[in-house]
């Protein structure tokens, strides 16, 4: 049977961190930057409710959720759009703005879906080199051409854990052409407590040529429900709503996200836990000559360059003990490094115990 001809995409498929191991049931999964404390008790109450009308279509515009986002972050409700994860919002941004002759600038070591969605719509992906795994403003500006349409920045950056301070972000926007869209992904902003950092939303909420991405998959613990949002000019939001799939955010995800936003105590608890456990892990890793990035998110990038073992060997040996980290050589092409999610206290203790076994 013959098939109609379909497009052949020459791109690397996104490969998420492992979540299962053969012949090992009780695994410690520290590969996907998921919430260490799970999700809010208020969310669990919603999920256990018998009043969930799953036989009904959800609100196509996620109005209740947008109202809660607007209230929580003091932003204009009419400039919000919700998606099935921030991934979907990234995809829609690429569909809306990019053509085959357009160029997109992305830091070399950054979230892979920026380049994947850009390539799918036919745009040319231009990678800007980083310095010591940190996004470099000058290197981005040097890559700008007359065809540049979008610059993607994850801040803090995944998987490196580095970040641009607010002065650097302002400088970048100021020096880019006005008709280049700057997309700032605030996925991990809640974990950031450094004084020189400000979220993209806090800096640029009134800028027409900046688009902000946020997610409920990290600190809010709703990764499985797939929900995120974007914030931009009314013109951009109106255009995005024309190409947004109908009923793209399910009703359970909308209800859970509303409750997650209301539970500020859970967020404070999660941030405190992350800082305490990250410091504990950094201190432990230093005894093994494994350096890491400064604490900026719910993960650490482990550098094995001065360590007696390689990242590749540690990755494999940890799996034999039921512990999974993210191999950043796959997809990101970062050699001799592993990304470690800050887990629960119990998970982190298990990781450190396993590491001690490898190095003794």
C-alpha atoms as a PDB file:
ATOM      1  CA  UNK A   1       0.000   0.000   0.000  1.00  0.00           C
ATOM      2  CA  UNK A   2       1.419   3.369  -1.033  1.00  0.00           C
ATOM      3  CA  UNK A   3       1.315   6.440   1.230  1.00  0.00           C
ATOM      4  CA  UNK A   4       1.233  10.130   0.380  1.00  0.00           C
ATOM      5  CA  UNK A   5       4.654  11.693   0.673  1.00  0.00           C
ATOM      6  CA  UNK A   6       5.372  13.187   4.080  1.00  0.00           C
ATOM      7  CA  UNK A   7       8.045  15.583   5.316  1.00  0.00           C
ATOM      8  CA  UNK A   8      11.382  14.223   6.455  1.00  0.00           C
ATOM      9  CA  UNK A   9      12.646  16.250   9.403  1.00  0.00           C
ATOM     10  CA  UNK A  10      16.419  16.249   9.820  1.00  0.00           C
ATOM     11  CA  UNK A  11      16.577  16.830  13.562  1.00  0.00           C
ATOM     12  CA  UNK A  12      17.493  15.079  16.777  1.00  0.00           C
ATOM     13  CA  UNK A  13      14.445  13.668  18.546  1.00  0.00           C
ATOM     14  CA  UNK A  14      13.946  14.900  22.108  1.00  0.00           C
ATOM     15  CA  UNK A  15      14.848  12.159  24.561  1.00  0.00           C
ATOM     16  CA  UNK A  16      13.623  12.758  28.107  1.00  0.00           C
ATOM     17  CA  UNK A  17      15.554  11.536  31.119  1.00  0.00           C
ATOM     18  CA  UNK A  18      15.090   7.879  31.941  1.00  0.00           C
ATOM     19  CA  UNK A  19      12.274   6.978  34.328  1.00  0.00           C
ATOM     20  CA  UNK A  20      12.579   3.164  34.419  1.00  0.00           C
ATOM     21  CA  UNK A  21      15.334   0.602  34.789  1.00  0.00           C
ATOM     22  CA  UNK A  22      15.203  -3.029  33.756  1.00  0.00           C
ATOM     23  CA  UNK A  23      14.899  -5.462  36.670  1.00  0.00           C
ATOM     24  CA  UNK A  24      14.899  -2.676  39.286  1.00  0.00           C
ATOM     25  CA  UNK A  25      11.557  -1.721  40.836  1.00  0.00           C
ATOM     26  CA  UNK A  26      12.376   0.866  43.513  1.00  0.00           C
ATOM     27  CA  UNK A  27      14.256   3.522  41.596  1.00  0.00           C
ATOM     28  CA  UNK A  28      15.435   6.974  42.645  1.00  0.00           C
ATOM     29  CA  UNK A  29      14.538   9.203  39.678  1.00  0.00           C
ATOM     30  CA  UNK A  30      16.601  12.397  39.700  1.00  0.00           C
ATOM     31  CA  UNK A  31      16.608  12.992  35.956  1.00  0.00           C
ATOM     32  CA  UNK A  32      13.631  15.227  35.104  1.00  0.00           C
ATOM     33  CA  UNK A  33      13.670  18.256  37.469  1.00  0.00           C
ATOM     34  CA  UNK A  34      10.326  17.284  38.985  1.00  0.00           C
ATOM     35  CA  UNK A  35       9.041  18.687  42.263  1.00  0.00           C
ATOM     36  CA  UNK A  36      10.878  17.198  45.253  1.00  0.00           C
ATOM     37  CA  UNK A  37       7.838  17.589  47.500  1.00  0.00           C
ATOM     38  CA  UNK A  38       5.243  16.386  45.029  1.00  0.00           C
ATOM     39  CA  UNK A  39       2.249  18.669  44.730  1.00  0.00           C
ATOM     40  CA  UNK A  40       0.224  20.913  47.022  1.00  0.00           C
ATOM     41  CA  UNK A  41      -2.285  19.376  49.476  1.00  0.00           C
ATOM     42  CA  UNK A  42      -4.871  21.722  47.957  1.00  0.00           C
ATOM     43  CA  UNK A  43      -4.232  20.175  44.550  1.00  0.00           C
ATOM     44  CA  UNK A  44      -4.555  16.660  45.964  1.00  0.00           C
ATOM     45  CA  UNK A  45      -7.933  17.622  47.393  1.00  0.00           C
ATOM     46  CA  UNK A  46      -9.124  18.717  43.943  1.00  0.00           C
ATOM     47  CA  UNK A  47      -7.817  15.532  42.320  1.00  0.00           C
ATOM     48  CA  UNK A  48      -9.682  13.417  44.870  1.00  0.00           C
ATOM     49  CA  UNK A  49     -12.929  15.305  44.360  1.00  0.00           C
ATOM     50  CA  UNK A  50     -15.969  13.412  43.146  1.00  0.00           C
ATOM     51  CA  UNK A  51     -17.298  16.545  41.457  1.00  0.00           C
ATOM     52  CA  UNK A  52     -14.873  16.481  38.528  1.00  0.00           C
ATOM     53  CA  UNK A  53     -17.059  16.468  35.425  1.00  0.00           C
ATOM     54  CA  UNK A  54     -14.637  14.798  33.058  1.00  0.00           C
ATOM     55  CA  UNK A  55     -17.438  14.052  30.604  1.00  0.00           C
ATOM     56  CA  UNK A  56     -17.696  17.795  29.883  1.00  0.00           C
ATOM     57  CA  UNK A  57     -15.375  19.749  27.616  1.00  0.00           C
ATOM     58  CA  UNK A  58     -13.074  22.144  29.487  1.00  0.00           C
ATOM     59  CA  UNK A  59     -13.166  25.942  29.292  1.00  0.00           C
ATOM     60  CA  UNK A  60     -11.427  26.534  25.939  1.00  0.00           C
ATOM     61  CA  UNK A  61      -9.863  29.802  27.136  1.00  0.00           C
ATOM     62  CA  UNK A  62      -8.872  28.661  30.658  1.00  0.00           C
ATOM     63  CA  UNK A  63     -10.540  31.805  32.018  1.00  0.00           C
ATOM     64  CA  UNK A  64     -10.565  30.865  35.722  1.00  0.00           C
ATOM     65  CA  UNK A  65      -6.905  29.955  35.556  1.00  0.00           C
ATOM     66  CA  UNK A  66      -5.976  33.154  33.742  1.00  0.00           C
ATOM     67  CA  UNK A  67      -7.797  35.169  36.409  1.00  0.00           C
ATOM     68  CA  UNK A  68      -5.814  33.420  39.127  1.00  0.00           C
ATOM     69  CA  UNK A  69      -2.531  33.940  37.258  1.00  0.00           C
ATOM     70  CA  UNK A  70      -3.387  37.615  36.811  1.00  0.00           C
ATOM     71  CA  UNK A  71      -4.167  37.944  40.505  1.00  0.00           C
ATOM     72  CA  UNK A  72      -1.078  36.054  41.670  1.00  0.00           C
ATOM     73  CA  UNK A  73       1.446  37.816  39.427  1.00  0.00           C
ATOM     74  CA  UNK A  74      -0.255  41.206  39.015  1.00  0.00           C
ATOM     75  CA  UNK A  75      -0.378  40.970  35.240  1.00  0.00           C
ATOM     76  CA  UNK A  76      -2.958  41.747  32.559  1.00  0.00           C
ATOM     77  CA  UNK A  77      -5.357  38.834  32.072  1.00  0.00           C
ATOM     78  CA  UNK A  78      -5.931  39.766  28.422  1.00  0.00           C
ATOM     79  CA  UNK A  79      -2.212  39.209  27.725  1.00  0.00           C
ATOM     80  CA  UNK A  80      -2.217  35.588  28.908  1.00  0.00           C
ATOM     81  CA  UNK A  81      -2.516  32.294  27.057  1.00  0.00           C
ATOM     82  CA  UNK A  82      -2.498  28.792  28.555  1.00  0.00           C
ATOM     83  CA  UNK A  83      -1.141  25.672  26.928  1.00  0.00           C
ATOM     84  CA  UNK A  84      -0.673  21.956  27.355  1.00  0.00           C
ATOM     85  CA  UNK A  85       2.659  22.561  29.036  1.00  0.00           C
ATOM     86  CA  UNK A  86       4.813  25.538  28.122  1.00  0.00           C
ATOM     87  CA  UNK A  87       6.033  23.254  25.310  1.00  0.00           C
ATOM     88  CA  UNK A  88       2.789  23.879  23.440  1.00  0.00           C
ATOM     89  CA  UNK A  89       3.158  27.631  23.860  1.00  0.00           C
ATOM     90  CA  UNK A  90       6.704  27.419  22.456  1.00  0.00           C
ATOM     91  CA  UNK A  91       5.352  25.432  19.524  1.00  0.00           C
ATOM     92  CA  UNK A  92       2.630  28.001  18.836  1.00  0.00           C
ATOM     93  CA  UNK A  93       5.124  30.886  19.006  1.00  0.00           C
ATOM     94  CA  UNK A  94       7.263  29.158  16.381  1.00  0.00           C
ATOM     95  CA  UNK A  95       4.234  28.458  14.177  1.00  0.00           C
ATOM     96  CA  UNK A  96       3.083  32.064  14.447  1.00  0.00           C
ATOM     97  CA  UNK A  97       6.343  33.873  13.741  1.00  0.00           C
ATOM     98  CA  UNK A  98       8.703  31.651  11.774  1.00  0.00           C
ATOM     99  CA  UNK A  99       9.062  30.969   8.056  1.00  0.00           C
ATOM    100  CA  UNK A 100      11.676  29.020   6.127  1.00  0.00           C
ATOM    101  CA  UNK A 101      14.000  32.017   5.640  1.00  0.00           C
ATOM    102  CA  UNK A 102      13.871  33.139   9.271  1.00  0.00           C
ATOM    103  CA  UNK A 103      16.603  32.573  11.844  1.00  0.00           C
ATOM    104  CA  UNK A 104      16.300  31.763  15.532  1.00  0.00           C
ATOM    105  CA  UNK A 105      19.141  32.347  17.987  1.00  0.00           C
ATOM    106  CA  UNK A 106      19.446  29.914  20.888  1.00  0.00           C
ATOM    107  CA  UNK A 107      22.294  29.461  23.403  1.00  0.00           C
ATOM    108  CA  UNK A 108      24.196  26.283  22.568  1.00  0.00           C
ATOM    109  CA  UNK A 109      23.336  24.541  25.822  1.00  0.00           C
ATOM    110  CA  UNK A 110      19.686  25.318  26.400  1.00  0.00           C
ATOM    111  CA  UNK A 111      16.268  23.644  26.447  1.00  0.00           C
ATOM    112  CA  UNK A 112      16.151  21.444  23.358  1.00  0.00           C
ATOM    113  CA  UNK A 113      12.526  22.119  22.379  1.00  0.00           C
ATOM    114  CA  UNK A 114      13.387  25.672  21.262  1.00  0.00           C
ATOM    115  CA  UNK A 115      15.513  24.334  18.413  1.00  0.00           C
ATOM    116  CA  UNK A 116      13.236  21.383  17.672  1.00  0.00           C
ATOM    117  CA  UNK A 117      10.056  23.438  17.211  1.00  0.00           C
ATOM    118  CA  UNK A 118      11.983  26.081  15.248  1.00  0.00           C
ATOM    119  CA  UNK A 119      13.384  23.454  12.896  1.00  0.00           C
ATOM    120  CA  UNK A 120       9.992  21.791  12.410  1.00  0.00           C
ATOM    121  CA  UNK A 121       8.558  24.986  10.889  1.00  0.00           C
ATOM    122  CA  UNK A 122      11.614  25.329   8.652  1.00  0.00           C
ATOM    123  CA  UNK A 123      13.528  28.107  10.394  1.00  0.00           C
ATOM    124  CA  UNK A 124      17.309  28.119  10.622  1.00  0.00           C
ATOM    125  CA  UNK A 125      18.597  27.507  14.149  1.00  0.00           C
ATOM    126  CA  UNK A 126      21.681  29.565  15.016  1.00  0.00           C
ATOM    127  CA  UNK A 127      23.539  28.514  18.162  1.00  0.00           C
ATOM    128  CA  UNK A 128      25.303  31.165  20.247  1.00  0.00           C
ATOM    129  CA  UNK A 129      28.331  29.936  22.172  1.00  0.00           C
ATOM    130  CA  UNK A 130      28.356  30.196  25.954  1.00  0.00           C
ATOM    131  CA  UNK A 131      31.220  31.101  28.278  1.00  0.00           C
ATOM    132  CA  UNK A 132      31.741  28.618  31.106  1.00  0.00           C
ATOM    133  CA  UNK A 133      28.250  27.318  30.348  1.00  0.00           C
ATOM    134  CA  UNK A 134      26.739  30.770  30.861  1.00  0.00           C
ATOM    135  CA  UNK A 135      24.667  32.527  28.202  1.00  0.00           C
ATOM    136  CA  UNK A 136      26.736  35.376  26.764  1.00  0.00           C
ATOM    137  CA  UNK A 137      24.947  38.527  25.584  1.00  0.00           C
ATOM    138  CA  UNK A 138      27.707  39.608  23.196  1.00  0.00           C
ATOM    139  CA  UNK A 139      27.846  36.184  21.557  1.00  0.00           C
ATOM    140  CA  UNK A 140      24.094  36.337  20.952  1.00  0.00           C
ATOM    141  CA  UNK A 141      24.308  39.831  19.468  1.00  0.00           C
ATOM    142  CA  UNK A 142      27.140  38.742  17.146  1.00  0.00           C
ATOM    143  CA  UNK A 143      24.850  36.063  15.681  1.00  0.00           C
ATOM    144  CA  UNK A 144      22.093  38.527  14.778  1.00  0.00           C
ATOM    145  CA  UNK A 145      21.453  38.884  11.048  1.00  0.00           C
ATOM    146  CA  UNK A 146      18.785  40.574   8.975  1.00  0.00           C
ATOM    147  CA  UNK A 147      16.899  37.264   9.061  1.00  0.00           C
ATOM    148  CA  UNK A 148      16.833  36.932  12.857  1.00  0.00           C
ATOM    149  CA  UNK A 149      13.239  36.693  14.082  1.00  0.00           C
ATOM    150  CA  UNK A 150      13.374  35.211  17.608  1.00  0.00           C
ATOM    151  CA  UNK A 151      15.912  34.864  20.432  1.00  0.00           C
ATOM    152  CA  UNK A 152      15.113  32.192  23.038  1.00  0.00           C
ATOM    153  CA  UNK A 153      16.527  32.512  26.570  1.00  0.00           C
ATOM    154  CA  UNK A 154      15.845  30.159  29.483  1.00  0.00           C
ATOM    155  CA  UNK A 155      16.660  32.063  32.658  1.00  0.00           C
ATOM    156  CA  UNK A 156      17.834  30.282  34.784  1.00  0.00           C
ATOM    157  CA  UNK A 157      19.094  28.063  32.003  1.00  0.00           C
ATOM    158  CA  UNK A 158      18.415  24.353  31.711  1.00  0.00           C
ATOM    159  CA  UNK A 159      20.584  22.212  31.844  1.00  0.00           C
ATOM    160  CA  UNK A 160      23.526  24.409  32.910  1.00  0.00           C
ATOM    161  CA  UNK A 161      21.920  26.170  35.896  1.00  0.00           C
ATOM    162  CA  UNK A 162      23.545  29.491  35.002  1.00  0.00           C
ATOM    163  CA  UNK A 163      21.610  32.731  34.485  1.00  0.00           C
ATOM    164  CA  UNK A 164      21.663  36.266  33.119  1.00  0.00           C
ATOM    165  CA  UNK A 165      21.252  38.959  35.750  1.00  0.00           C
ATOM    166  CA  UNK A 166      18.599  41.596  35.208  1.00  0.00           C
ATOM    167  CA  UNK A 167      21.095  44.155  33.854  1.00  0.00           C
ATOM    168  CA  UNK A 168      22.285  41.668  31.229  1.00  0.00           C
ATOM    169  CA  UNK A 169      18.709  40.892  30.182  1.00  0.00           C
ATOM    170  CA  UNK A 170      17.894  44.589  29.846  1.00  0.00           C
ATOM    171  CA  UNK A 171      21.083  45.095  27.841  1.00  0.00           C
ATOM    172  CA  UNK A 172      20.177  42.225  25.517  1.00  0.00           C
ATOM    173  CA  UNK A 173      16.696  43.583  24.803  1.00  0.00           C
ATOM    174  CA  UNK A 174      18.070  47.105  24.304  1.00  0.00           C
ATOM    175  CA  UNK A 175      20.695  46.023  21.767  1.00  0.00           C
ATOM    176  CA  UNK A 176      18.482  43.661  19.774  1.00  0.00           C
ATOM    177  CA  UNK A 177      16.541  45.122  16.846  1.00  0.00           C
ATOM    178  CA  UNK A 178      13.038  46.125  17.881  1.00  0.00           C
ATOM    179  CA  UNK A 179      11.480  43.671  15.413  1.00  0.00           C
ATOM    180  CA  UNK A 180      13.207  40.666  16.997  1.00  0.00           C
ATOM    181  CA  UNK A 181      11.057  38.835  19.541  1.00  0.00           C
ATOM    182  CA  UNK A 182      12.868  38.013  22.783  1.00  0.00           C
ATOM    183  CA  UNK A 183      11.323  34.920  24.405  1.00  0.00           C
ATOM    184  CA  UNK A 184      12.286  34.450  28.058  1.00  0.00           C
ATOM    185  CA  UNK A 185      11.505  31.149  29.745  1.00  0.00           C
ATOM    186  CA  UNK A 186      10.969  31.655  33.497  1.00  0.00           C
ATOM    187  CA  UNK A 187      10.450  27.921  34.186  1.00  0.00           C
ATOM    188  CA  UNK A 188      12.695  27.869  37.266  1.00  0.00           C
ATOM    189  CA  UNK A 189      12.360  31.447  38.490  1.00  0.00           C
ATOM    190  CA  UNK A 190      10.697  30.516  41.816  1.00  0.00           C
ATOM    191  CA  UNK A 191      13.901  28.849  43.001  1.00  0.00           C
ATOM    192  CA  UNK A 192      16.063  31.905  42.265  1.00  0.00           C
ATOM    193  CA  UNK A 193      16.890  34.079  45.291  1.00  0.00           C
ATOM    194  CA  UNK A 194      20.028  35.851  44.070  1.00  0.00           C
ATOM    195  CA  UNK A 195      19.754  39.626  44.436  1.00  0.00           C
ATOM    196  CA  UNK A 196      20.959  40.355  40.888  1.00  0.00           C
ATOM    197  CA  UNK A 197      18.199  38.222  39.364  1.00  0.00           C
ATOM    198  CA  UNK A 198      14.734  39.280  38.234  1.00  0.00           C
ATOM    199  CA  UNK A 199      12.263  37.199  36.270  1.00  0.00           C
ATOM    200  CA  UNK A 200      11.450  38.054  32.681  1.00  0.00           C
ATOM    201  CA  UNK A 201       7.899  38.892  33.727  1.00  0.00           C
ATOM    202  CA  UNK A 202       9.075  41.333  36.405  1.00  0.00           C
ATOM    203  CA  UNK A 203      11.385  43.139  33.975  1.00  0.00           C
ATOM    204  CA  UNK A 204       9.413  43.152  30.739  1.00  0.00           C
ATOM    205  CA  UNK A 205       5.692  42.872  31.537  1.00  0.00           C
ATOM    206  CA  UNK A 206       4.942  46.030  29.521  1.00  0.00           C
ATOM    207  CA  UNK A 207       7.273  45.314  26.566  1.00  0.00           C
ATOM    208  CA  UNK A 208       5.539  44.518  23.280  1.00  0.00           C
ATOM    209  CA  UNK A 209       8.516  42.639  21.809  1.00  0.00           C
ATOM    210  CA  UNK A 210       9.158  40.293  24.748  1.00  0.00           C
ATOM    211  CA  UNK A 211       7.234  37.083  25.358  1.00  0.00           C
ATOM    212  CA  UNK A 212       7.364  35.268  28.716  1.00  0.00           C
ATOM    213  CA  UNK A 213       6.980  31.531  29.333  1.00  0.00           C
ATOM    214  CA  UNK A 214       5.971  29.904  32.634  1.00  0.00           C
ATOM    215  CA  UNK A 215       5.234  26.311  33.655  1.00  0.00           C
ATOM    216  CA  UNK A 216       3.389  24.348  36.341  1.00  0.00           C
ATOM    217  CA  UNK A 217       5.648  21.302  35.849  1.00  0.00           C
ATOM    218  CA  UNK A 218       8.440  22.281  38.228  1.00  0.00           C
ATOM    219  CA  UNK A 219       7.804  23.817  41.653  1.00  0.00           C
ATOM    220  CA  UNK A 220       4.016  23.325  41.423  1.00  0.00           C
ATOM    221  CA  UNK A 221       4.420  19.593  40.824  1.00  0.00           C
ATOM    222  CA  UNK A 222       1.914  19.252  37.959  1.00  0.00           C
ATOM    223  CA  UNK A 223       4.254  17.767  35.347  1.00  0.00           C
ATOM    224  CA  UNK A 224       1.926  14.887  34.514  1.00  0.00           C
ATOM    225  CA  UNK A 225      -1.033  17.196  33.865  1.00  0.00           C
ATOM    226  CA  UNK A 226       0.860  19.181  31.196  1.00  0.00           C
ATOM    227  CA  UNK A 227       0.075  22.833  31.799  1.00  0.00           C
ATOM    228  CA  UNK A 228       1.932  26.097  31.246  1.00  0.00           C
ATOM    229  CA  UNK A 229       1.291  29.656  30.146  1.00  0.00           C
ATOM    230  CA  UNK A 230       2.632  32.546  28.138  1.00  0.00           C
ATOM    231  CA  UNK A 231       2.475  36.321  28.554  1.00  0.00           C
ATOM    232  CA  UNK A 232       2.844  38.791  25.705  1.00  0.00           C
ATOM    233  CA  UNK A 233       1.310  41.708  23.883  1.00  0.00           C
ATOM    234  CA  UNK A 234      -2.425  41.653  23.149  1.00  0.00           C
ATOM    235  CA  UNK A 235      -1.641  41.403  19.423  1.00  0.00           C
ATOM    236  CA  UNK A 236       0.481  38.292  19.936  1.00  0.00           C
ATOM    237  CA  UNK A 237      -2.060  36.669  22.272  1.00  0.00           C
ATOM    238  CA  UNK A 238      -4.900  37.355  19.849  1.00  0.00           C
ATOM    239  CA  UNK A 239      -2.933  35.783  16.993  1.00  0.00           C
ATOM    240  CA  UNK A 240      -1.940  32.776  19.123  1.00  0.00           C
ATOM    241  CA  UNK A 241      -5.564  32.148  20.039  1.00  0.00           C
ATOM    242  CA  UNK A 242      -6.370  31.817  16.346  1.00  0.00           C
ATOM    243  CA  UNK A 243      -3.990  28.880  15.967  1.00  0.00           C
ATOM    244  CA  UNK A 244      -4.404  27.407  19.454  1.00  0.00           C
ATOM    245  CA  UNK A 245      -6.058  23.972  19.380  1.00  0.00           C
ATOM    246  CA  UNK A 246      -9.577  23.944  20.873  1.00  0.00           C
ATOM    247  CA  UNK A 247      -9.828  22.713  24.480  1.00  0.00           C
ATOM    248  CA  UNK A 248      -6.032  22.438  24.629  1.00  0.00           C
ATOM    249  CA  UNK A 249      -5.851  22.465  28.453  1.00  0.00           C
ATOM    250  CA  UNK A 250      -7.936  19.801  30.184  1.00  0.00           C
ATOM    251  CA  UNK A 251     -10.321  20.712  33.005  1.00  0.00           C
ATOM    252  CA  UNK A 252      -8.431  18.771  35.688  1.00  0.00           C
ATOM    253  CA  UNK A 253      -5.195  20.572  34.821  1.00  0.00           C
ATOM    254  CA  UNK A 254      -6.949  23.961  34.937  1.00  0.00           C
ATOM    255  CA  UNK A 255      -8.537  23.263  38.343  1.00  0.00           C
ATOM    256  CA  UNK A 256      -5.297  21.863  39.772  1.00  0.00           C
ATOM    257  CA  UNK A 257      -3.277  24.844  38.561  1.00  0.00           C
ATOM    258  CA  UNK A 258      -5.697  27.304  40.186  1.00  0.00           C
ATOM    259  CA  UNK A 259      -5.314  25.558  43.546  1.00  0.00           C
ATOM    260  CA  UNK A 260      -1.532  25.291  43.131  1.00  0.00           C
ATOM    261  CA  UNK A 261      -1.293  29.059  42.686  1.00  0.00           C
ATOM    262  CA  UNK A 262      -3.329  29.651  45.839  1.00  0.00           C
ATOM    263  CA  UNK A 263      -1.096  27.497  48.039  1.00  0.00           C
ATOM    264  CA  UNK A 264       1.763  29.944  48.617  1.00  0.00           C
ATOM    265  CA  UNK A 265       2.813  28.108  51.807  1.00  0.00           C
ATOM    266  CA  UNK A 266       3.658  25.036  49.718  1.00  0.00           C
ATOM    267  CA  UNK A 267       5.807  27.149  47.383  1.00  0.00           C
ATOM    268  CA  UNK A 268       7.708  28.705  50.309  1.00  0.00           C
ATOM    269  CA  UNK A 269       8.253  25.239  51.796  1.00  0.00           C
ATOM    270  CA  UNK A 270       9.498  23.915  48.432  1.00  0.00           C
ATOM    271  CA  UNK A 271      11.966  26.783  47.982  1.00  0.00           C
ATOM    272  CA  UNK A 272      13.381  26.318  51.503  1.00  0.00           C
ATOM    273  CA  UNK A 273      13.708  22.581  50.961  1.00  0.00           C
ATOM    274  CA  UNK A 274      15.481  23.102  47.629  1.00  0.00           C
ATOM    275  CA  UNK A 275      18.016  25.557  49.041  1.00  0.00           C
ATOM    276  CA  UNK A 276      18.772  23.397  52.081  1.00  0.00           C
ATOM    277  CA  UNK A 277      19.152  20.177  50.106  1.00  0.00           C
ATOM    278  CA  UNK A 278      21.111  21.789  47.267  1.00  0.00           C
ATOM    279  CA  UNK A 279      23.656  23.189  49.716  1.00  0.00           C
ATOM    280  CA  UNK A 280      23.940  19.767  51.364  1.00  0.00           C
ATOM    281  CA  UNK A 281      24.510  18.104  47.987  1.00  0.00           C
ATOM    282  CA  UNK A 282      27.040  20.711  46.828  1.00  0.00           C
ATOM    283  CA  UNK A 283      29.043  20.280  50.014  1.00  0.00           C
ATOM    284  CA  UNK A 284      29.033  16.496  49.632  1.00  0.00           C
ATOM    285  CA  UNK A 285      29.965  16.575  45.940  1.00  0.00           C
ATOM    286  CA  UNK A 286      32.912  18.889  46.600  1.00  0.00           C
ATOM    287  CA  UNK A 287      34.481  16.141  48.750  1.00  0.00           C
ATOM    288  CA  UNK A 288      34.538  13.994  45.599  1.00  0.00           C
ATOM    289  CA  UNK A 289      36.095  16.787  43.493  1.00  0.00           C
ATOM    290  CA  UNK A 290      32.825  17.231  41.609  1.00  0.00           C
ATOM    291  CA  UNK A 291      32.063  20.902  41.019  1.00  0.00           C
ATOM    292  CA  UNK A 292      28.612  22.312  40.261  1.00  0.00           C
ATOM    293  CA  UNK A 293      26.883  25.500  39.166  1.00  0.00           C
ATOM    294  CA  UNK A 294      25.679  28.032  41.779  1.00  0.00           C
ATOM    295  CA  UNK A 295      22.221  27.190  43.125  1.00  0.00           C
ATOM    296  CA  UNK A 296      19.676  28.703  40.758  1.00  0.00           C
ATOM    297  CA  UNK A 297      17.032  26.025  40.169  1.00  0.00           C
ATOM    298  CA  UNK A 298      15.990  22.571  41.382  1.00  0.00           C
ATOM    299  CA  UNK A 299      18.951  20.871  39.732  1.00  0.00           C
ATOM    300  CA  UNK A 300      22.747  20.917  39.666  1.00  0.00           C
ATOM    301  CA  UNK A 301      25.058  20.318  36.709  1.00  0.00           C
ATOM    302  CA  UNK A 302      27.810  18.014  37.959  1.00  0.00           C
ATOM    303  CA  UNK A 303      31.280  18.545  36.477  1.00  0.00           C
ATOM    304  CA  UNK A 304      33.538  15.468  36.546  1.00  0.00           C
ATOM    305  CA  UNK A 305      36.594  17.048  34.861  1.00  0.00           C
ATOM    306  CA  UNK A 306      38.672  16.976  38.094  1.00  0.00           C
ATOM    307  CA  UNK A 307      37.147  13.782  39.428  1.00  0.00           C
ATOM    308  CA  UNK A 308      38.748  10.320  39.365  1.00  0.00           C
ATOM    309  CA  UNK A 309      35.645   8.862  37.691  1.00  0.00           C
ATOM    310  CA  UNK A 310      34.001   9.959  34.442  1.00  0.00           C
ATOM    311  CA  UNK A 311      30.413  11.148  34.168  1.00  0.00           C
ATOM    312  CA  UNK A 312      29.627   8.272  31.827  1.00  0.00           C
ATOM    313  CA  UNK A 313      30.892   5.614  34.261  1.00  0.00           C
ATOM    314  CA  UNK A 314      29.095   7.211  37.235  1.00  0.00           C
ATOM    315  CA  UNK A 315      25.872   7.409  35.232  1.00  0.00           C
ATOM    316  CA  UNK A 316      25.977   3.679  34.465  1.00  0.00           C
ATOM    317  CA  UNK A 317      27.087   2.580  37.939  1.00  0.00           C
ATOM    318  CA  UNK A 318      24.393   4.654  39.647  1.00  0.00           C
ATOM    319  CA  UNK A 319      21.751   2.982  37.502  1.00  0.00           C
ATOM    320  CA  UNK A 320      22.941  -0.410  38.722  1.00  0.00           C
ATOM    321  CA  UNK A 321      22.075   0.893  42.204  1.00  0.00           C
ATOM    322  CA  UNK A 322      18.677   2.153  41.074  1.00  0.00           C
ATOM    323  CA  UNK A 323      19.572   5.858  40.844  1.00  0.00           C
ATOM    324  CA  UNK A 324      18.894   7.763  37.610  1.00  0.00           C
ATOM    325  CA  UNK A 325      20.485  11.116  36.708  1.00  0.00           C
ATOM    326  CA  UNK A 326      20.218  12.974  33.400  1.00  0.00           C
ATOM    327  CA  UNK A 327      22.887  12.168  30.841  1.00  0.00           C
ATOM    328  CA  UNK A 328      23.450  15.569  29.188  1.00  0.00           C
ATOM    329  CA  UNK A 329      25.775  14.081  26.595  1.00  0.00           C
ATOM    330  CA  UNK A 330      22.579  12.883  24.886  1.00  0.00           C
ATOM    331  CA  UNK A 331      20.815  15.736  23.096  1.00  0.00           C
ATOM    332  CA  UNK A 332      22.725  18.560  24.755  1.00  0.00           C
ATOM    333  CA  UNK A 333      26.138  17.123  23.758  1.00  0.00           C
ATOM    334  CA  UNK A 334      27.762  18.262  27.018  1.00  0.00           C
ATOM    335  CA  UNK A 335      30.672  15.947  27.778  1.00  0.00           C
ATOM    336  CA  UNK A 336      31.667  14.602  31.199  1.00  0.00           C
ATOM    337  CA  UNK A 337      28.715  16.223  32.995  1.00  0.00           C
ATOM    338  CA  UNK A 338      25.510  14.919  34.577  1.00  0.00           C
ATOM    339  CA  UNK A 339      22.432  16.821  35.684  1.00  0.00           C
ATOM    340  CA  UNK A 340      21.146  16.022  39.157  1.00  0.00           C
ATOM    341  CA  UNK A 341      17.605  16.946  40.201  1.00  0.00           C
ATOM    342  CA  UNK A 342      17.296  18.073  43.825  1.00  0.00           C
ATOM    343  CA  UNK A 343      15.049  15.350  45.197  1.00  0.00           C
ATOM    344  CA  UNK A 344      13.382  14.697  48.522  1.00  0.00           C
ATOM    345  CA  UNK A 345      15.574  14.392  51.606  1.00  0.00           C
ATOM    346  CA  UNK A 346      15.266  10.604  51.387  1.00  0.00           C
ATOM    347  CA  UNK A 347      16.117  10.534  47.662  1.00  0.00           C
ATOM    348  CA  UNK A 348      19.126  12.804  48.109  1.00  0.00           C
ATOM    349  CA  UNK A 349      20.414  10.640  50.971  1.00  0.00           C
ATOM    350  CA  UNK A 350      20.094   7.554  48.765  1.00  0.00           C
ATOM    351  CA  UNK A 351      22.013   9.318  45.988  1.00  0.00           C
ATOM    352  CA  UNK A 352      24.834  10.318  48.343  1.00  0.00           C
ATOM    353  CA  UNK A 353      25.023   6.815  49.786  1.00  0.00           C
ATOM    354  CA  UNK A 354      25.264   5.358  46.271  1.00  0.00           C
ATOM    355  CA  UNK A 355      27.972   7.865  45.341  1.00  0.00           C
ATOM    356  CA  UNK A 356      30.004   7.013  48.444  1.00  0.00           C
ATOM    357  CA  UNK A 357      29.870   3.376  47.388  1.00  0.00           C
ATOM    358  CA  UNK A 358      31.301   4.258  43.981  1.00  0.00           C
ATOM    359  CA  UNK A 359      34.181   6.317  45.331  1.00  0.00           C
ATOM    360  CA  UNK A 360      35.256   4.128  48.270  1.00  0.00           C
END
